[in-house]
Amino acid sequence: MTEAELIAALQQQEAAAFQHLFDRYADKIYRLALGLLHDEVEAEGVVQDSFMRVIERIDQFEGRAQIGTWIYRIAHNLSQDRLRRR
């Protein structure tokens, strides 16, 4: 599935597209969050929250960057939010 096809399927709320996105990026997001938070449970929470944010806001994705870059930014911001709350 190409990036454009994936984005189109996500915007159509296709469950298979969200599963594909999760399979492609969940481990990478987990490692990013774990590196920032140094807490496995919090990192798992960031993964969940990141994909929930993608589901809620996929219609706002403008395509100025790759979908992976957008997801990483979401995960990074959520990790920073958790660090600030500590």
C-alpha atoms as a PDB file:
ATOM      1  CA  MET A   1       0.000   0.000   0.000  1.00  0.00           C
ATOM      2  CA  THR A   2       1.471   3.338  -1.022  1.00  0.00           C
ATOM      3  CA  GLU A   3       1.494   6.333   1.298  1.00  0.00           C
ATOM      4  CA  ALA A   4      -1.242   8.071  -0.724  1.00  0.00           C
ATOM      5  CA  GLU A   5      -3.425   4.950  -0.713  1.00  0.00           C
ATOM      6  CA  LEU A   6      -2.933   4.562   3.029  1.00  0.00           C
ATOM      7  CA  ILE A   7      -3.890   8.167   3.731  1.00  0.00           C
ATOM      8  CA  ALA A   8      -6.978   7.900   1.524  1.00  0.00           C
ATOM      9  CA  ALA A   9      -8.049   4.698   3.278  1.00  0.00           C
ATOM     10  CA  LEU A  10      -7.461   6.266   6.699  1.00  0.00           C
ATOM     11  CA  GLN A  11      -9.558   9.269   5.760  1.00  0.00           C
ATOM     12  CA  GLN A  12     -12.319   6.860   4.713  1.00  0.00           C
ATOM     13  CA  GLN A  13     -12.065   5.320   8.231  1.00  0.00           C
ATOM     14  CA  GLU A  14     -11.158   1.865   6.895  1.00  0.00           C
ATOM     15  CA  ALA A  15     -10.274  -0.426   9.798  1.00  0.00           C
ATOM     16  CA  ALA A  16      -7.701  -2.332   7.743  1.00  0.00           C
ATOM     17  CA  ALA A  17      -5.846   0.914   7.047  1.00  0.00           C
ATOM     18  CA  PHE A  18      -5.640   1.749  10.739  1.00  0.00           C
ATOM     19  CA  GLN A  19      -4.367  -1.763  11.441  1.00  0.00           C
ATOM     20  CA  HIS A  20      -1.754  -1.361   8.704  1.00  0.00           C
ATOM     21  CA  LEU A  21      -0.678   1.979  10.177  1.00  0.00           C
ATOM     22  CA  PHE A  22      -0.479   0.489  13.672  1.00  0.00           C
ATOM     23  CA  ASP A  23       1.546  -2.491  12.447  1.00  0.00           C
ATOM     24  CA  ARG A  24       3.934  -0.169  10.620  1.00  0.00           C
ATOM     25  CA  TYR A  25       4.537   2.412  13.364  1.00  0.00           C
ATOM     26  CA  ALA A  26       3.593   1.088  16.831  1.00  0.00           C
ATOM     27  CA  ASP A  27       7.029  -0.332  17.682  1.00  0.00           C
ATOM     28  CA  LYS A  28       8.810   2.786  16.459  1.00  0.00           C
ATOM     29  CA  ILE A  29       6.535   5.057  18.476  1.00  0.00           C
ATOM     30  CA  TYR A  30       6.982   2.859  21.540  1.00  0.00           C
ATOM     31  CA  ARG A  31      10.774   3.115  21.266  1.00  0.00           C
ATOM     32  CA  LEU A  32      10.565   6.885  20.802  1.00  0.00           C
ATOM     33  CA  ALA A  33       8.343   7.293  23.869  1.00  0.00           C
ATOM     34  CA  LEU A  34      10.408   4.880  25.956  1.00  0.00           C
ATOM     35  CA  GLY A  35      13.565   6.799  25.108  1.00  0.00           C
ATOM     36  CA  LEU A  36      11.987  10.047  26.266  1.00  0.00           C
ATOM     37  CA  LEU A  37      10.042   8.771  29.275  1.00  0.00           C
ATOM     38  CA  HIS A  38      12.164   5.846  30.529  1.00  0.00           C
ATOM     39  CA  ASP A  39       8.945   4.164  31.664  1.00  0.00           C
ATOM     40  CA  GLU A  40       7.424   1.197  29.828  1.00  0.00           C
ATOM     41  CA  VAL A  41       3.866   1.755  31.047  1.00  0.00           C
ATOM     42  CA  GLU A  42       3.932   5.443  30.117  1.00  0.00           C
ATOM     43  CA  ALA A  43       5.428   4.578  26.716  1.00  0.00           C
ATOM     44  CA  GLU A  44       2.593   2.115  26.064  1.00  0.00           C
ATOM     45  CA  GLY A  45       0.147   4.863  27.005  1.00  0.00           C
ATOM     46  CA  VAL A  46       1.759   7.203  24.500  1.00  0.00           C
ATOM     47  CA  VAL A  47       1.359   4.584  21.768  1.00  0.00           C
ATOM     48  CA  GLN A  48      -2.341   4.207  22.559  1.00  0.00           C
ATOM     49  CA  ASP A  49      -2.901   7.947  22.831  1.00  0.00           C
ATOM     50  CA  SER A  50      -1.000   8.598  19.604  1.00  0.00           C
ATOM     51  CA  PHE A  51      -3.142   6.246  17.566  1.00  0.00           C
ATOM     52  CA  MET A  52      -6.317   7.569  19.169  1.00  0.00           C
ATOM     53  CA  ARG A  53      -5.213  11.062  18.159  1.00  0.00           C
ATOM     54  CA  VAL A  54      -4.595   9.837  14.595  1.00  0.00           C
ATOM     55  CA  ILE A  55      -8.082   8.315  14.448  1.00  0.00           C
ATOM     56  CA  GLU A  56      -9.657  11.491  15.814  1.00  0.00           C
ATOM     57  CA  ARG A  57      -7.714  13.898  13.607  1.00  0.00           C
ATOM     58  CA  ILE A  58      -6.886  12.100  10.364  1.00  0.00           C
ATOM     59  CA  ASP A  59      -9.153  14.548   8.550  1.00  0.00           C
ATOM     60  CA  GLN A  60      -6.772  17.333   9.640  1.00  0.00           C
ATOM     61  CA  PHE A  61      -3.726  15.661   8.071  1.00  0.00           C
ATOM     62  CA  GLU A  62      -2.606  18.073   5.359  1.00  0.00           C
ATOM     63  CA  GLY A  63      -0.013  15.920   3.637  1.00  0.00           C
ATOM     64  CA  ARG A  64       2.798  18.454   4.007  1.00  0.00           C
ATOM     65  CA  ALA A  65       4.903  15.685   5.547  1.00  0.00           C
ATOM     66  CA  GLN A  66       4.797  11.917   5.451  1.00  0.00           C
ATOM     67  CA  ILE A  67       2.242  10.229   7.673  1.00  0.00           C
ATOM     68  CA  GLY A  68       5.055   8.693   9.731  1.00  0.00           C
ATOM     69  CA  THR A  69       6.499  12.121  10.461  1.00  0.00           C
ATOM     70  CA  TRP A  70       3.080  13.335  11.581  1.00  0.00           C
ATOM     71  CA  ILE A  71       2.625  10.346  13.898  1.00  0.00           C
ATOM     72  CA  TYR A  72       6.117  10.768  15.372  1.00  0.00           C
ATOM     73  CA  ARG A  73       5.356  14.432  16.080  1.00  0.00           C
ATOM     74  CA  ILE A  74       2.113  13.454  17.811  1.00  0.00           C
ATOM     75  CA  ALA A  75       3.944  10.855  19.913  1.00  0.00           C
ATOM     76  CA  HIS A  76       6.760  13.262  20.742  1.00  0.00           C
ATOM     77  CA  ASN A  77       4.305  15.954  21.830  1.00  0.00           C
ATOM     78  CA  LEU A  78       2.330  13.502  23.965  1.00  0.00           C
ATOM     79  CA  SER A  79       5.566  12.301  25.572  1.00  0.00           C
ATOM     80  CA  GLN A  80       6.571  15.879  26.335  1.00  0.00           C
ATOM     81  CA  ASP A  81       3.145  16.491  27.878  1.00  0.00           C
ATOM     82  CA  ARG A  82       3.643  13.500  30.173  1.00  0.00           C
ATOM     83  CA  LEU A  83       7.097  14.724  31.169  1.00  0.00           C
ATOM     84  CA  ARG A  84       5.700  18.142  32.069  1.00  0.00           C
ATOM     85  CA  ARG A  85       3.028  16.547  34.262  1.00  0.00           C
ATOM     86  CA  ARG A  86       5.613  14.667  36.352  1.00  0.00           C
END
